[in-house]
Amino acid sequence: MDAVVFIGINEPSRQAWKEANLMGYYTFILSDKYIITRQRYLNQFKCVDVKDESQINVALFEILQVGFTIKAIVSLCESTIMMASKLHQKFCHSFWPVKPVYKMSNKYETRECLRETKYNIEYQKLIKENDGLDVIIGFPLILKSIYSKGSKYVRKILNHNQLLKESEILFKETRAEELLIEQFVEGRQFLVEVMVFNGFIQLVAIFEQEVTYNRRFIVTGYASISEKAGIFQILKNITETIVDRFGMNYGSCHLELRYTKNGWKLIEINPRISGGEVHNMIKAAYGFSYVREILKVHLNEMPNLQMKHNQFVYTFYFIAKSDGVIKEIKGEQKARCCEGVVNVTFKNKVGDYVREPLSMGDRLGYVMAVGAGRSEAKQRALLAASFITIDIC
């Protein structure tokens, strides 16, 4: 029997194993996060240390020994996508762009790949043994892990003393020998979802991001951009240029691009679908399952990104304004009844301890709404969100 193996668990992964099962594949999940195995669309769960490639190899050979044919090995998680790419090539006997995945995952290699292009920003590597911290980039600047994700290991640095303090913390937290320093640039920010099949680059969707900054950069709003908008074609051309430079011929990725006073600059590129609810936003806006099409690329099948409908979507995220315990969440049902609202979801429940967000994973929940225009979708989402109150103390 044909099987698809998923390494790691996040929200897009859950959607993906459902789609794989509906496509007729037996689904295996390899993860160190325990999940209830009696779930619809999930056939078998294996508990392994996903950081240990030898354990993953043993689990894959066990799957083969009981008679399954592994058709694809997939990860939609930042921490395991590199390993999954190598193992897909090894066990599925099909080409997969391991080198582009590595360059996109490693933020220093990303900058090196874009060296001397107008979409790059100033950057330098910070080495642990270098006590002097000789910085050639002016303040403010961004300090981050070379393998940063979801704002968790990203800091805005205002002066040299803060750099000394935060670099010491990050070296300790990440257990890394190197960090990355980047020029801080301001401007409107856009998320671009991209799919590549046999070298053909397709834009799946573009969202303008609303970024809230307190201690970290947290995206709290997503607004879809029409393919008829002038900015869509501009971003399409930029994206094709950047993705082509990485040499990615198969797979999916997402870019964060910012329009600055010096033009368009790449903030990040990652070799996977963006986390959170981007999959559901694309489905709400255009009617097709993005993760299903991602799976088809892994299975060497032509993806179909044809829209089933075309409407605008806006998603508003709730974040905690202080640390504490959730005492009450009110107004969810009223929000769900608002016109255009397609989803109201909270990750946290009453009794959970929450904090001011230090990463995207600290967002509490969201309201997603659709409309005939961008402003209508946003107005509907914000109206619904206004009915919800979260009591934290």
Protein backbone atom coordinates (compact mmCIF):
# COMPACT_ATOMS: atom_id res chain seq x y z
CA MET A 1 0.00 0.00 0.00
CA ASP A 2 1.19 3.50 -0.80
CA ALA A 3 2.00 5.70 2.19
CA VAL A 4 2.86 9.33 2.93
CA VAL A 5 5.04 9.98 5.97
CA PHE A 6 4.87 13.30 7.84
CA ILE A 7 7.69 14.41 10.14
CA GLY A 8 6.64 16.86 12.85
CA ILE A 9 3.28 18.34 13.76
CA ASN A 10 1.82 21.81 13.30
CA GLU A 11 -1.49 23.14 12.02
CA PRO A 12 -0.64 22.89 8.28
CA SER A 13 0.58 19.31 8.91
CA ARG A 14 -2.78 18.34 10.39
CA GLN A 15 -4.50 19.67 7.29
CA ALA A 16 -1.99 17.89 5.06
CA TRP A 17 -2.37 14.41 6.55
CA LYS A 18 -6.14 14.78 6.17
CA GLU A 19 -5.68 15.60 2.47
CA ALA A 20 -3.23 12.71 1.99
CA ASN A 21 -5.73 10.30 3.49
CA LEU A 22 -8.53 11.63 1.29
CA MET A 23 -6.21 11.12 -1.71
CA GLY A 24 -6.04 7.42 -0.81
CA TYR A 25 -2.69 7.27 0.99
CA TYR A 26 -1.96 5.55 4.29
CA THR A 27 -0.67 8.26 6.63
CA PHE A 28 2.17 7.95 9.14
CA ILE A 29 3.09 10.70 11.57
CA LEU A 30 6.58 10.72 13.12
CA SER A 31 6.82 13.13 16.02
CA ASP A 32 8.02 13.60 19.58
CA LYS A 33 4.75 15.36 20.41
CA TYR A 34 2.19 12.84 21.59
CA ILE A 35 -1.17 13.01 19.84
CA ILE A 36 -4.37 11.02 20.14
CA THR A 37 -3.99 8.26 17.56
CA ARG A 38 -7.71 7.66 17.11
CA GLN A 39 -8.10 10.61 14.84
CA ARG A 40 -9.89 10.63 11.55
CA TYR A 41 -7.49 10.67 8.57
CA LEU A 42 -4.52 9.60 10.72
CA ASN A 43 -3.61 5.93 10.26
CA GLN A 44 -0.54 5.49 12.42
CA PHE A 45 1.55 7.54 14.83
CA LYS A 46 5.15 6.75 15.74
CA CYS A 47 6.81 8.52 18.67
CA VAL A 48 10.41 9.36 17.75
CA ASP A 49 12.90 12.10 18.48
CA VAL A 50 12.58 14.20 15.33
CA LYS A 51 15.99 15.75 15.98
CA ASP A 52 17.61 12.30 15.71
CA GLU A 53 17.94 11.32 12.05
CA SER A 54 18.96 7.76 12.99
CA GLN A 55 15.64 7.25 14.82
CA ILE A 56 13.74 8.59 11.80
CA ASN A 57 15.65 6.20 9.52
CA VAL A 58 14.76 3.23 11.74
CA ALA A 59 11.08 4.21 11.69
CA LEU A 60 11.10 4.55 7.90
CA PHE A 61 12.74 1.14 7.41
CA GLU A 62 10.11 -0.38 9.72
CA ILE A 63 7.39 1.07 7.51
CA LEU A 64 9.02 -0.46 4.44
CA GLN A 65 9.48 -3.84 6.12
CA VAL A 66 5.75 -4.27 6.77
CA GLY A 67 5.01 -3.81 3.07
CA PHE A 68 4.30 -0.13 2.56
CA THR A 69 5.68 1.87 -0.35
CA ILE A 70 6.67 5.33 0.81
CA LYS A 71 5.60 7.75 -1.90
CA ALA A 72 6.50 10.96 -0.08
CA ILE A 73 8.20 12.15 3.10
CA VAL A 74 6.87 15.56 4.03
CA SER A 75 7.48 18.17 6.69
CA LEU A 76 5.71 21.50 6.92
CA CYS A 77 7.59 22.37 10.14
CA GLU A 78 10.63 24.63 10.12
CA SER A 79 12.66 22.41 12.45
CA THR A 80 12.29 19.20 10.40
CA ILE A 81 11.92 20.33 6.80
CA MET A 82 15.62 19.96 5.98
CA MET A 83 15.72 16.39 7.27
CA ALA A 84 12.49 15.50 5.46
CA SER A 85 13.89 16.85 2.19
CA LYS A 86 17.00 14.64 2.43
CA LEU A 87 14.97 11.57 3.43
CA HIS A 88 12.43 12.12 0.67
CA GLN A 89 15.24 12.02 -1.85
CA LYS A 90 16.73 8.90 -0.21
CA PHE A 91 13.61 6.77 0.35
CA CYS A 92 11.32 7.93 -2.44
CA HIS A 93 14.00 7.79 -5.16
CA SER A 94 12.92 11.12 -6.58
CA PHE A 95 14.74 14.41 -6.97
CA TRP A 96 14.05 17.00 -4.28
CA PRO A 97 15.75 20.40 -3.99
CA VAL A 98 17.78 19.81 -0.82
CA LYS A 99 20.29 22.60 -1.49
CA PRO A 100 17.66 25.35 -2.01
CA VAL A 101 15.85 24.17 1.13
CA TYR A 102 19.11 24.52 3.07
CA LYS A 103 19.81 28.00 1.69
CA MET A 104 16.31 29.18 2.59
CA SER A 105 16.41 27.61 6.06
CA ASN A 106 19.80 29.10 6.93
CA LYS A 107 19.32 32.86 7.17
CA TYR A 108 23.00 33.63 6.60
CA GLU A 109 23.02 31.49 3.43
CA THR A 110 19.88 33.31 2.34
CA ARG A 111 21.73 36.62 2.51
CA GLU A 112 24.76 35.16 0.74
CA CYS A 113 22.52 33.84 -2.04
CA LEU A 114 21.10 37.34 -2.54
CA ARG A 115 24.48 39.05 -2.32
CA GLU A 116 24.71 42.12 -4.59
CA THR A 117 21.01 42.03 -5.47
CA LYS A 118 18.84 45.06 -4.81
CA TYR A 119 16.47 42.97 -2.67
CA ASN A 120 19.10 42.20 -0.04
CA ILE A 121 19.86 44.20 3.11
CA GLU A 122 23.10 44.77 4.99
CA TYR A 123 24.10 41.79 7.12
CA GLN A 124 26.98 40.21 8.96
CA LYS A 125 27.67 37.08 10.98
CA LEU A 126 28.23 37.40 14.71
CA ILE A 127 30.65 34.78 16.06
CA LYS A 128 30.49 33.72 19.71
CA GLU A 129 34.25 33.84 20.32
CA ASN A 130 34.41 37.45 19.13
CA ASP A 131 34.01 39.27 22.44
CA GLY A 132 34.43 42.66 20.82
CA LEU A 133 31.27 42.37 18.72
CA ASP A 134 32.64 44.51 15.91
CA VAL A 135 29.46 45.70 14.18
CA ILE A 136 29.61 47.46 10.84
CA ILE A 137 25.84 47.97 10.58
CA GLY A 138 24.28 51.04 12.15
CA PHE A 139 21.67 50.94 14.90
CA PRO A 140 18.86 50.06 15.12
CA LEU A 141 19.50 46.58 13.79
CA ILE A 142 18.04 43.08 13.95
CA LEU A 143 19.75 40.27 15.83
CA LYS A 144 18.51 36.77 15.09
CA SER A 145 19.30 33.10 15.16
CA ILE A 146 20.59 31.83 11.83
CA TYR A 147 17.71 29.35 12.01
CA SER A 148 15.14 31.79 13.43
CA LYS A 149 11.43 31.12 13.06
CA GLY A 150 8.20 32.81 14.08
CA SER A 151 9.95 35.79 15.78
CA LYS A 152 11.11 33.49 18.61
CA TYR A 153 14.79 34.30 18.25
CA VAL A 154 14.55 37.76 16.67
CA ARG A 155 15.47 40.94 18.54
CA LYS A 156 15.40 44.61 17.62
CA ILE A 157 18.61 46.17 18.94
CA LEU A 158 18.90 49.90 19.61
CA ASN A 159 22.47 50.25 20.91
CA HIS A 160 25.73 48.43 21.60
CA ASN A 161 24.96 47.67 25.25
CA GLN A 162 21.69 46.01 24.28
CA LEU A 163 23.54 44.05 21.61
CA LEU A 164 25.98 42.69 24.20
CA LYS A 165 23.14 41.67 26.50
CA GLU A 166 20.81 40.15 23.89
CA SER A 167 23.55 38.32 22.00
CA GLU A 168 24.64 36.65 25.25
CA ILE A 169 21.04 35.54 25.84
CA LEU A 170 20.55 34.29 22.28
CA PHE A 171 23.84 32.39 22.22
CA LYS A 172 22.71 30.64 25.40
CA GLU A 173 19.12 29.98 24.26
CA THR A 174 20.02 28.69 20.81
CA ARG A 175 23.27 26.93 21.83
CA ALA A 176 24.68 28.26 18.58
CA GLU A 177 28.18 29.46 17.79
CA GLU A 178 26.95 32.08 15.34
CA LEU A 179 24.15 34.63 15.10
CA LEU A 180 23.07 36.94 12.28
CA ILE A 181 22.91 40.73 12.35
CA GLU A 182 20.75 42.48 9.76
CA GLN A 183 19.94 46.05 8.90
CA PHE A 184 16.57 47.13 10.33
CA VAL A 185 14.25 48.45 7.64
CA GLU A 186 10.76 49.89 7.94
CA GLY A 187 7.81 49.75 5.56
CA ARG A 188 4.67 47.87 4.57
CA GLN A 189 5.18 44.11 4.76
CA PHE A 190 3.75 41.41 2.50
CA LEU A 191 3.62 37.63 2.73
CA VAL A 192 3.92 35.83 -0.62
CA GLU A 193 3.05 32.13 -0.89
CA VAL A 194 4.78 30.36 -3.78
CA MET A 195 4.64 26.94 -5.43
CA VAL A 196 7.22 25.57 -7.86
CA PHE A 197 6.74 22.54 -10.12
CA ASN A 198 9.32 21.48 -12.68
CA GLY A 199 10.89 24.94 -12.51
CA PHE A 200 7.62 26.79 -13.11
CA ILE A 201 7.06 29.37 -10.35
CA GLN A 202 3.44 30.16 -9.41
CA LEU A 203 2.19 32.71 -6.92
CA VAL A 204 -0.49 31.15 -4.74
CA ALA A 205 -1.51 34.17 -2.68
CA ILE A 206 -0.29 37.50 -1.32
CA PHE A 207 -1.27 38.95 2.05
CA GLU A 208 -0.37 42.30 3.51
CA GLN A 209 0.74 41.76 7.09
CA GLU A 210 0.04 44.06 10.01
CA VAL A 211 2.93 43.75 12.43
CA THR A 212 2.63 44.62 16.12
CA TYR A 213 5.88 45.31 17.95
CA ASN A 214 6.34 45.31 21.69
CA ARG A 215 9.10 42.98 22.78
CA ARG A 216 8.89 40.98 19.52
CA PHE A 217 7.58 41.39 15.96
CA ILE A 218 4.17 39.66 15.90
CA VAL A 219 1.85 39.55 12.88
CA THR A 220 -1.66 40.35 14.11
CA GLY A 221 -3.42 40.99 10.80
CA TYR A 222 -3.47 39.45 7.31
CA ALA A 223 -5.28 41.04 4.35
CA SER A 224 -5.42 39.28 0.99
CA ILE A 225 -4.30 41.17 -2.11
CA SER A 226 -6.20 40.90 -5.39
CA GLU A 227 -4.32 39.49 -8.38
CA LYS A 228 -5.69 42.51 -10.27
CA ALA A 229 -3.92 44.97 -7.98
CA GLY A 230 -0.83 46.64 -9.42
CA ILE A 231 1.27 45.56 -6.45
CA PHE A 232 0.46 41.92 -7.18
CA GLN A 233 2.30 41.98 -10.51
CA ILE A 234 5.23 43.86 -8.97
CA LEU A 235 5.57 41.25 -6.23
CA LYS A 236 5.14 38.45 -8.74
CA ASN A 237 8.13 39.67 -10.75
CA ILE A 238 10.27 40.17 -7.63
CA THR A 239 9.32 36.77 -6.24
CA GLU A 240 10.15 34.94 -9.46
CA THR A 241 13.56 36.62 -9.54
CA ILE A 242 14.35 35.71 -5.93
CA VAL A 243 13.07 32.11 -6.02
CA ASP A 244 14.90 31.47 -9.29
CA ARG A 245 18.14 32.65 -7.68
CA PHE A 246 17.83 29.88 -5.07
CA GLY A 247 17.47 27.27 -7.80
CA MET A 248 14.27 25.75 -6.42
CA ASN A 249 12.63 23.55 -9.08
CA TYR A 250 10.09 21.74 -6.89
CA GLY A 251 8.35 22.58 -3.65
CA SER A 252 6.69 25.47 -1.89
CA CYS A 253 8.03 28.46 -0.02
CA HIS A 254 6.94 31.78 1.37
CA LEU A 255 8.61 35.17 1.30
CA GLU A 256 8.21 38.20 3.54
CA LEU A 257 8.92 41.36 1.58
CA ARG A 258 8.94 44.91 2.86
CA TYR A 259 8.57 48.10 0.83
CA THR A 260 11.18 50.50 2.23
CA LYS A 261 12.44 53.94 1.32
CA ASN A 262 15.13 52.13 -0.70
CA GLY A 263 12.71 49.86 -2.53
CA TRP A 264 11.62 46.26 -1.97
CA LYS A 265 13.68 44.21 0.49
CA LEU A 266 13.46 40.54 1.41
CA ILE A 267 12.95 40.09 5.15
CA GLU A 268 12.85 36.29 5.06
CA ILE A 269 12.25 33.32 2.82
CA ASN A 270 11.28 29.88 4.16
CA PRO A 271 10.96 26.58 2.23
CA ARG A 272 7.46 25.72 3.41
CA ILE A 273 3.94 27.07 3.72
CA SER A 274 3.68 29.84 6.29
CA GLY A 275 2.43 28.69 9.69
CA GLY A 276 -0.74 29.69 11.49
CA GLU A 277 -3.93 29.81 9.43
CA VAL A 278 -2.54 30.72 6.01
CA HIS A 279 -3.82 27.44 4.54
CA ASN A 280 -7.35 28.24 5.75
CA MET A 281 -7.09 31.84 4.54
CA ILE A 282 -6.23 30.64 1.04
CA LYS A 283 -9.11 28.16 1.12
CA ALA A 284 -11.52 30.88 2.28
CA ALA A 285 -10.33 33.30 -0.40
CA TYR A 286 -9.97 30.97 -3.38
CA GLY A 287 -11.70 27.68 -2.55
CA PHE A 288 -8.84 25.21 -3.09
CA SER A 289 -6.74 23.29 -0.59
CA TYR A 290 -3.19 24.63 -0.73
CA VAL A 291 -1.70 21.78 1.31
CA ARG A 292 -3.30 19.26 -1.07
CA GLU A 293 -1.46 20.91 -3.95
CA ILE A 294 1.77 20.93 -1.93
CA LEU A 295 1.36 17.18 -1.43
CA LYS A 296 0.84 16.70 -5.16
CA VAL A 297 4.18 18.39 -5.84
CA HIS A 298 5.87 15.99 -3.39
CA LEU A 299 4.19 13.14 -5.28
CA ASN A 300 5.44 14.59 -8.59
CA GLU A 301 1.91 15.43 -9.72
CA MET A 302 0.98 18.66 -11.45
CA PRO A 303 -0.65 21.03 -8.92
CA ASN A 304 -3.94 22.73 -9.74
CA LEU A 305 -4.24 26.25 -8.34
CA GLN A 306 -7.39 27.15 -10.25
CA MET A 307 -9.70 29.27 -8.10
CA LYS A 308 -13.12 27.85 -7.21
CA HIS A 309 -14.20 31.30 -6.09
CA ASN A 310 -12.46 34.63 -5.56
CA GLN A 311 -13.12 36.76 -2.50
CA PHE A 312 -11.13 38.83 -0.06
CA VAL A 313 -10.15 37.52 3.36
CA TYR A 314 -8.93 39.27 6.49
CA THR A 315 -7.68 37.57 9.65
CA PHE A 316 -7.29 39.33 12.98
CA TYR A 317 -5.19 37.72 15.74
CA PHE A 318 -5.67 38.24 19.47
CA ILE A 319 -2.59 38.64 21.65
CA ALA A 320 -2.21 39.00 25.40
CA LYS A 321 -1.37 42.49 26.61
CA SER A 322 -0.07 41.16 29.92
CA ASP A 323 1.06 37.88 31.45
CA GLY A 324 -1.50 35.96 33.46
CA VAL A 325 -4.23 33.31 33.56
CA ILE A 326 -7.27 33.42 31.30
CA LYS A 327 -10.32 33.79 33.56
CA GLU A 328 -12.96 34.18 30.88
CA ILE A 329 -13.46 34.44 27.11
CA LYS A 330 -16.76 36.04 26.13
CA GLY A 331 -18.49 36.85 22.86
CA GLU A 332 -17.24 34.00 20.64
CA GLN A 333 -20.72 32.91 19.56
CA LYS A 334 -21.80 36.46 18.80
CA ALA A 335 -18.65 36.91 16.69
CA ARG A 336 -19.36 33.71 14.78
CA CYS A 337 -22.81 35.00 13.86
CA CYS A 338 -21.44 38.16 12.24
CA GLU A 339 -21.80 38.49 8.48
CA GLY A 340 -18.85 37.16 6.50
CA VAL A 341 -17.15 35.43 9.43
CA VAL A 342 -15.83 32.01 8.43
CA ASN A 343 -13.88 31.07 11.54
CA VAL A 344 -13.38 32.06 15.16
CA THR A 345 -10.82 29.93 16.96
CA PHE A 346 -8.92 30.14 20.23
CA LYS A 347 -5.88 27.99 20.91
CA ASN A 348 -5.99 28.82 24.60
CA LYS A 349 -8.82 28.10 27.02
CA VAL A 350 -9.96 29.32 30.41
CA GLY A 351 -7.37 28.44 33.05
CA ASP A 352 -4.39 28.61 30.68
CA TYR A 353 -1.42 30.77 31.57
CA VAL A 354 -0.58 33.17 28.73
CA ARG A 355 2.03 35.87 28.22
CA GLU A 356 2.76 38.87 26.09
CA PRO A 357 3.86 37.28 22.82
CA LEU A 358 7.51 36.37 22.42
CA SER A 359 6.81 34.38 19.22
CA MET A 360 3.99 33.80 16.75
CA GLY A 361 3.08 30.68 18.71
CA ASP A 362 1.98 32.92 21.62
CA ARG A 363 -0.95 34.35 19.67
CA LEU A 364 -4.19 33.41 21.44
CA GLY A 365 -6.67 33.00 18.61
CA TYR A 366 -8.18 34.70 15.59
CA VAL A 367 -11.24 35.87 13.71
CA MET A 368 -11.32 35.27 9.95
CA ALA A 369 -13.83 36.95 7.65
CA VAL A 370 -14.43 37.29 3.91
CA GLY A 371 -15.92 40.07 1.82
CA ALA A 372 -16.41 41.34 -1.70
CA GLY A 373 -13.60 43.83 -1.16
CA ARG A 374 -10.55 44.14 1.04
CA SER A 375 -12.03 46.83 3.28
CA GLU A 376 -15.28 44.91 3.69
CA ALA A 377 -13.45 41.75 4.78
CA LYS A 378 -11.40 43.74 7.30
CA GLN A 379 -14.41 45.61 8.67
CA ARG A 380 -16.29 42.34 9.16
CA ALA A 381 -13.37 40.69 10.96
CA LEU A 382 -12.76 43.67 13.24
CA LEU A 383 -16.46 44.03 14.04
CA ALA A 384 -16.63 40.38 15.04
CA ALA A 385 -13.44 40.70 17.07
CA SER A 386 -14.90 43.69 18.94
CA PHE A 387 -17.53 41.42 20.50
CA ILE A 388 -14.88 39.21 22.09
CA THR A 389 -13.34 40.00 25.45
CA ILE A 390 -10.53 38.03 27.08
CA ASP A 391 -10.17 38.45 30.84
CA ILE A 392 -6.56 37.85 31.93
CA CYS A 393 -5.42 38.31 35.50
